[in-house]
Amino acid sequence: MIALLLKCLLGALAVLLIALASKSRYFVLAGLVPLFPTFALIAHFVVGTTRPATALQTTALFGLWSLFPYAVYLFAVYWLSTRTSIAITLGAATGLWVCAAAIMLAVWFRCYPTAG
């Protein structure tokens, strides 16, 4: 129960930092805060303590692959932000993230059929 509360507090702290950064003259930091590897640390700890080191290595490699959908999302936000409304920009970017993630997963499971 304490672990769950701690995770909630970390999430709230991240939201607070994003809000504060977005209102400051260093607003670009709002784009860095969500990339702090909070959930990756948790996932890597769990995998690293319950499975062999090769599983942790594979999990890290999959994390690197997951940068592809995120890059697609960011490029879409960058390109659409001056061309459409915020709702269309974020909706389209999210849809593109889903498509890119589906492609990434299909390629991943073709290249690493036993790693899933």
N, C-alpha and C. Protein backbone atom coordinates (compact mmCIF):
# COMPACT_ATOMS: atom_id res chain seq x y z
N MET A 1 0.82 -1.19 0.00
CA MET A 1 0.00 0.00 0.00
C MET A 1 0.87 1.26 0.00
N ILE A 2 1.95 1.22 0.78
CA ILE A 2 2.86 2.37 0.83
C ILE A 2 3.53 2.57 -0.52
N ALA A 3 3.89 1.46 -1.19
CA ALA A 3 4.53 1.56 -2.51
C ALA A 3 3.59 2.22 -3.51
N LEU A 4 2.30 1.86 -3.45
CA LEU A 4 1.33 2.46 -4.36
C LEU A 4 1.18 3.96 -4.08
N LEU A 5 1.14 4.32 -2.82
CA LEU A 5 1.05 5.73 -2.45
C LEU A 5 2.27 6.50 -2.93
N LEU A 6 3.44 5.91 -2.79
CA LEU A 6 4.68 6.55 -3.25
C LEU A 6 4.64 6.77 -4.75
N LYS A 7 4.15 5.80 -5.50
CA LYS A 7 4.04 5.95 -6.96
C LYS A 7 3.08 7.08 -7.32
N CYS A 8 1.98 7.16 -6.60
CA CYS A 8 1.02 8.25 -6.84
C CYS A 8 1.65 9.61 -6.55
N LEU A 9 2.40 9.68 -5.47
CA LEU A 9 3.06 10.94 -5.13
C LEU A 9 4.10 11.33 -6.17
N LEU A 10 4.83 10.35 -6.69
CA LEU A 10 5.80 10.64 -7.76
C LEU A 10 5.09 11.18 -9.00
N GLY A 11 3.96 10.58 -9.34
CA GLY A 11 3.19 11.06 -10.49
C GLY A 11 2.69 12.48 -10.28
N ALA A 12 2.20 12.76 -9.06
CA ALA A 12 1.72 14.11 -8.75
C ALA A 12 2.87 15.11 -8.79
N LEU A 13 4.03 14.71 -8.30
CA LEU A 13 5.21 15.58 -8.34
C LEU A 13 5.60 15.90 -9.78
N ALA A 14 5.54 14.89 -10.65
CA ALA A 14 5.86 15.12 -12.06
C ALA A 14 4.89 16.11 -12.68
N VAL A 15 3.60 15.96 -12.40
CA VAL A 15 2.59 16.89 -12.93
C VAL A 15 2.85 18.30 -12.42
N LEU A 16 3.17 18.42 -11.14
CA LEU A 16 3.47 19.73 -10.56
C LEU A 16 4.70 20.36 -11.22
N LEU A 17 5.75 19.57 -11.43
CA LEU A 17 6.96 20.10 -12.08
C LEU A 17 6.67 20.53 -13.52
N ILE A 18 5.85 19.76 -14.23
CA ILE A 18 5.48 20.13 -15.60
C ILE A 18 4.72 21.45 -15.59
N ALA A 19 3.76 21.58 -14.68
CA ALA A 19 2.96 22.82 -14.60
C ALA A 19 3.84 24.01 -14.26
N LEU A 20 4.74 23.85 -13.31
CA LEU A 20 5.63 24.96 -12.93
C LEU A 20 6.57 25.33 -14.06
N ALA A 21 7.14 24.32 -14.71
CA ALA A 21 8.06 24.58 -15.82
C ALA A 21 7.34 25.28 -16.97
N SER A 22 6.13 24.84 -17.27
CA SER A 22 5.41 25.42 -18.41
C SER A 22 5.07 26.89 -18.21
N LYS A 23 5.00 27.33 -16.96
CA LYS A 23 4.68 28.73 -16.67
C LYS A 23 5.93 29.60 -16.47
N SER A 24 7.09 28.96 -16.48
CA SER A 24 8.32 29.71 -16.26
C SER A 24 8.95 30.13 -17.59
N ARG A 25 10.03 30.89 -17.49
CA ARG A 25 10.72 31.25 -18.74
C ARG A 25 11.47 30.06 -19.32
N TYR A 26 11.58 29.00 -18.55
CA TYR A 26 12.21 27.75 -19.00
C TYR A 26 11.15 26.72 -19.37
N PHE A 27 10.11 27.16 -20.09
CA PHE A 27 8.97 26.32 -20.41
C PHE A 27 9.35 25.04 -21.14
N VAL A 28 10.49 25.04 -21.85
CA VAL A 28 10.89 23.84 -22.58
C VAL A 28 11.17 22.67 -21.64
N LEU A 29 11.47 22.96 -20.38
CA LEU A 29 11.72 21.89 -19.41
C LEU A 29 10.48 21.03 -19.20
N ALA A 30 9.31 21.58 -19.51
CA ALA A 30 8.07 20.80 -19.40
C ALA A 30 8.11 19.59 -20.34
N GLY A 31 8.92 19.64 -21.39
CA GLY A 31 9.07 18.51 -22.30
C GLY A 31 10.09 17.50 -21.82
N LEU A 32 10.92 17.88 -20.86
CA LEU A 32 11.94 16.97 -20.34
C LEU A 32 11.44 16.19 -19.13
N VAL A 33 10.65 16.82 -18.30
CA VAL A 33 10.18 16.18 -17.05
C VAL A 33 9.52 14.82 -17.30
N PRO A 34 8.62 14.69 -18.29
CA PRO A 34 7.97 13.38 -18.48
C PRO A 34 8.93 12.29 -18.93
N LEU A 35 10.09 12.69 -19.38
CA LEU A 35 11.05 11.70 -19.87
C LEU A 35 11.96 11.16 -18.76
N PHE A 36 11.80 11.69 -17.53
CA PHE A 36 12.56 11.11 -16.43
C PHE A 36 12.12 9.64 -16.31
N PRO A 37 13.06 8.73 -16.22
CA PRO A 37 12.71 7.31 -16.32
C PRO A 37 12.08 6.70 -15.06
N THR A 38 11.10 7.37 -14.49
CA THR A 38 10.45 6.86 -13.29
C THR A 38 9.90 5.45 -13.50
N PHE A 39 9.07 5.30 -14.52
CA PHE A 39 8.46 3.99 -14.76
C PHE A 39 9.46 2.99 -15.31
N ALA A 40 10.44 3.47 -16.06
CA ALA A 40 11.48 2.57 -16.54
C ALA A 40 12.29 2.02 -15.37
N LEU A 41 12.59 2.86 -14.39
CA LEU A 41 13.31 2.39 -13.21
C LEU A 41 12.53 1.29 -12.50
N ILE A 42 11.23 1.51 -12.35
CA ILE A 42 10.39 0.50 -11.70
C ILE A 42 10.38 -0.79 -12.51
N ALA A 43 10.14 -0.66 -13.82
CA ALA A 43 10.09 -1.84 -14.69
C ALA A 43 11.42 -2.57 -14.70
N HIS A 44 12.51 -1.84 -14.80
CA HIS A 44 13.83 -2.47 -14.86
C HIS A 44 14.17 -3.14 -13.53
N PHE A 45 13.77 -2.54 -12.42
CA PHE A 45 14.00 -3.16 -11.12
C PHE A 45 13.24 -4.47 -11.01
N VAL A 46 11.96 -4.43 -11.41
CA VAL A 46 11.14 -5.65 -11.33
C VAL A 46 11.71 -6.74 -12.23
N VAL A 47 11.99 -6.40 -13.49
CA VAL A 47 12.54 -7.40 -14.41
C VAL A 47 13.91 -7.87 -13.93
N GLY A 48 14.75 -6.93 -13.49
CA GLY A 48 16.10 -7.28 -13.05
C GLY A 48 16.16 -8.12 -11.80
N THR A 49 15.13 -8.06 -10.97
CA THR A 49 15.13 -8.85 -9.74
C THR A 49 14.31 -10.13 -9.85
N THR A 50 13.57 -10.28 -10.94
CA THR A 50 12.73 -11.49 -11.09
C THR A 50 13.13 -12.36 -12.27
N ARG A 51 13.99 -11.86 -13.11
CA ARG A 51 14.39 -12.61 -14.31
C ARG A 51 15.90 -12.52 -14.49
N PRO A 52 16.44 -13.31 -15.41
CA PRO A 52 17.88 -13.25 -15.66
C PRO A 52 18.31 -11.91 -16.29
N ALA A 53 19.59 -11.64 -16.23
CA ALA A 53 20.15 -10.39 -16.76
C ALA A 53 19.84 -10.22 -18.26
N THR A 54 19.74 -11.32 -18.99
CA THR A 54 19.42 -11.21 -20.42
C THR A 54 18.02 -10.64 -20.64
N ALA A 55 17.11 -10.94 -19.72
CA ALA A 55 15.76 -10.38 -19.82
C ALA A 55 15.79 -8.87 -19.60
N LEU A 56 16.60 -8.42 -18.67
CA LEU A 56 16.75 -6.97 -18.45
C LEU A 56 17.37 -6.32 -19.67
N GLN A 57 18.34 -6.98 -20.25
CA GLN A 57 18.98 -6.47 -21.46
C GLN A 57 17.96 -6.35 -22.60
N THR A 58 17.11 -7.37 -22.77
CA THR A 58 16.09 -7.34 -23.80
C THR A 58 15.07 -6.24 -23.53
N THR A 59 14.72 -6.06 -22.25
CA THR A 59 13.78 -5.00 -21.88
C THR A 59 14.36 -3.63 -22.22
N ALA A 60 15.65 -3.43 -21.97
CA ALA A 60 16.30 -2.16 -22.32
C ALA A 60 16.31 -1.95 -23.83
N LEU A 61 16.58 -3.02 -24.59
CA LEU A 61 16.57 -2.91 -26.05
C LEU A 61 15.17 -2.55 -26.55
N PHE A 62 14.15 -3.17 -25.98
CA PHE A 62 12.79 -2.84 -26.35
C PHE A 62 12.48 -1.38 -26.03
N GLY A 63 13.00 -0.89 -24.92
CA GLY A 63 12.84 0.52 -24.56
C GLY A 63 13.44 1.44 -25.61
N LEU A 64 14.59 1.05 -26.14
CA LEU A 64 15.20 1.84 -27.21
C LEU A 64 14.32 1.83 -28.45
N TRP A 65 13.77 0.68 -28.78
CA TRP A 65 12.87 0.60 -29.93
C TRP A 65 11.66 1.50 -29.71
N SER A 66 11.20 1.62 -28.47
CA SER A 66 9.99 2.41 -28.19
C SER A 66 10.20 3.90 -28.40
N LEU A 67 11.44 4.32 -28.61
CA LEU A 67 11.69 5.72 -28.92
C LEU A 67 11.14 6.09 -30.30
N PHE A 68 11.00 5.10 -31.18
CA PHE A 68 10.47 5.36 -32.53
C PHE A 68 9.05 5.94 -32.49
N PRO A 69 8.09 5.30 -31.80
CA PRO A 69 6.75 5.91 -31.76
C PRO A 69 6.74 7.28 -31.08
N TYR A 70 7.57 7.45 -30.07
CA TYR A 70 7.62 8.74 -29.39
C TYR A 70 8.17 9.81 -30.33
N ALA A 71 9.18 9.46 -31.12
CA ALA A 71 9.73 10.41 -32.09
C ALA A 71 8.68 10.78 -33.13
N VAL A 72 7.89 9.81 -33.58
CA VAL A 72 6.81 10.08 -34.52
C VAL A 72 5.82 11.07 -33.90
N TYR A 73 5.46 10.84 -32.65
CA TYR A 73 4.56 11.74 -31.94
C TYR A 73 5.12 13.16 -31.89
N LEU A 74 6.39 13.29 -31.49
CA LEU A 74 6.99 14.61 -31.36
C LEU A 74 7.11 15.33 -32.70
N PHE A 75 7.49 14.61 -33.74
CA PHE A 75 7.56 15.23 -35.07
C PHE A 75 6.18 15.71 -35.51
N ALA A 76 5.14 14.91 -35.22
CA ALA A 76 3.78 15.32 -35.59
C ALA A 76 3.37 16.57 -34.82
N VAL A 77 3.65 16.62 -33.53
CA VAL A 77 3.32 17.82 -32.74
C VAL A 77 4.08 19.01 -33.29
N TYR A 78 5.35 18.84 -33.57
CA TYR A 78 6.17 19.93 -34.10
C TYR A 78 5.58 20.45 -35.40
N TRP A 79 5.27 19.56 -36.32
CA TRP A 79 4.82 19.96 -37.65
C TRP A 79 3.39 20.51 -37.62
N LEU A 80 2.51 19.90 -36.86
CA LEU A 80 1.10 20.30 -36.87
C LEU A 80 0.80 21.51 -35.97
N SER A 81 1.66 21.80 -35.01
CA SER A 81 1.35 22.81 -34.00
C SER A 81 1.08 24.20 -34.58
N THR A 82 1.69 24.54 -35.68
CA THR A 82 1.46 25.85 -36.29
C THR A 82 0.47 25.78 -37.45
N ARG A 83 -0.05 24.58 -37.72
CA ARG A 83 -0.93 24.40 -38.86
C ARG A 83 -2.38 24.08 -38.46
N THR A 84 -2.58 23.54 -37.26
CA THR A 84 -3.92 23.13 -36.83
C THR A 84 -4.14 23.54 -35.37
N SER A 85 -5.34 23.30 -34.88
CA SER A 85 -5.65 23.60 -33.49
C SER A 85 -4.93 22.61 -32.57
N ILE A 86 -4.87 22.95 -31.29
CA ILE A 86 -4.21 22.08 -30.32
C ILE A 86 -4.91 20.72 -30.25
N ALA A 87 -6.24 20.70 -30.32
CA ALA A 87 -6.98 19.43 -30.25
C ALA A 87 -6.64 18.53 -31.44
N ILE A 88 -6.63 19.09 -32.63
CA ILE A 88 -6.29 18.30 -33.81
C ILE A 88 -4.84 17.87 -33.76
N THR A 89 -3.96 18.79 -33.37
CA THR A 89 -2.54 18.46 -33.28
C THR A 89 -2.32 17.27 -32.35
N LEU A 90 -2.84 17.35 -31.14
CA LEU A 90 -2.59 16.29 -30.16
C LEU A 90 -3.34 15.01 -30.52
N GLY A 91 -4.54 15.14 -31.07
CA GLY A 91 -5.27 13.94 -31.50
C GLY A 91 -4.56 13.21 -32.63
N ALA A 92 -4.13 13.97 -33.63
CA ALA A 92 -3.42 13.36 -34.76
C ALA A 92 -2.08 12.77 -34.32
N ALA A 93 -1.37 13.49 -33.48
CA ALA A 93 -0.08 13.00 -33.00
C ALA A 93 -0.25 11.72 -32.20
N THR A 94 -1.30 11.66 -31.40
CA THR A 94 -1.56 10.44 -30.62
C THR A 94 -1.93 9.28 -31.54
N GLY A 95 -2.76 9.55 -32.54
CA GLY A 95 -3.09 8.52 -33.52
C GLY A 95 -1.87 8.00 -34.25
N LEU A 96 -0.98 8.91 -34.61
CA LEU A 96 0.26 8.50 -35.27
C LEU A 96 1.15 7.69 -34.33
N TRP A 97 1.14 8.06 -33.04
CA TRP A 97 1.90 7.27 -32.05
C TRP A 97 1.37 5.84 -32.01
N VAL A 98 0.04 5.69 -31.99
CA VAL A 98 -0.57 4.35 -31.95
C VAL A 98 -0.16 3.56 -33.19
N CYS A 99 -0.22 4.18 -34.36
CA CYS A 99 0.18 3.50 -35.60
C CYS A 99 1.65 3.10 -35.57
N ALA A 100 2.49 4.03 -35.15
CA ALA A 100 3.93 3.75 -35.09
C ALA A 100 4.23 2.66 -34.07
N ALA A 101 3.51 2.67 -32.94
CA ALA A 101 3.71 1.63 -31.93
C ALA A 101 3.29 0.27 -32.46
N ALA A 102 2.18 0.23 -33.22
CA ALA A 102 1.73 -1.04 -33.80
C ALA A 102 2.76 -1.57 -34.80
N ILE A 103 3.30 -0.69 -35.62
CA ILE A 103 4.35 -1.08 -36.57
C ILE A 103 5.57 -1.57 -35.81
N MET A 104 5.98 -0.82 -34.79
CA MET A 104 7.14 -1.21 -34.01
C MET A 104 6.95 -2.59 -33.39
N LEU A 105 5.77 -2.84 -32.82
CA LEU A 105 5.51 -4.14 -32.21
C LEU A 105 5.53 -5.26 -33.23
N ALA A 106 4.95 -5.02 -34.41
CA ALA A 106 4.96 -6.05 -35.45
C ALA A 106 6.39 -6.38 -35.87
N VAL A 107 7.21 -5.36 -36.05
CA VAL A 107 8.60 -5.59 -36.44
C VAL A 107 9.36 -6.26 -35.29
N TRP A 108 9.13 -5.80 -34.06
CA TRP A 108 9.82 -6.39 -32.90
C TRP A 108 9.55 -7.90 -32.80
N PHE A 109 8.28 -8.28 -32.87
CA PHE A 109 7.94 -9.69 -32.70
C PHE A 109 8.35 -10.54 -33.90
N ARG A 110 8.59 -9.90 -35.04
CA ARG A 110 9.16 -10.63 -36.17
C ARG A 110 10.66 -10.85 -35.98
N CYS A 111 11.33 -9.82 -35.46
CA CYS A 111 12.79 -9.90 -35.26
C CYS A 111 13.15 -10.69 -34.01
N TYR A 112 12.32 -10.61 -32.98
CA TYR A 112 12.58 -11.27 -31.69
C TYR A 112 11.36 -12.08 -31.27
N PRO A 113 11.06 -13.16 -31.98
CA PRO A 113 9.82 -13.90 -31.70
C PRO A 113 9.77 -14.53 -30.31
N THR A 114 10.90 -14.77 -29.69
CA THR A 114 10.90 -15.40 -28.36
C THR A 114 10.96 -14.38 -27.25
N ALA A 115 11.05 -13.08 -27.59
CA ALA A 115 11.19 -12.03 -26.57
C ALA A 115 9.85 -11.36 -26.32
N GLY A 116 8.87 -12.11 -26.02
CA GLY A 116 7.58 -11.50 -25.76
C GLY A 116 6.66 -12.51 -25.22
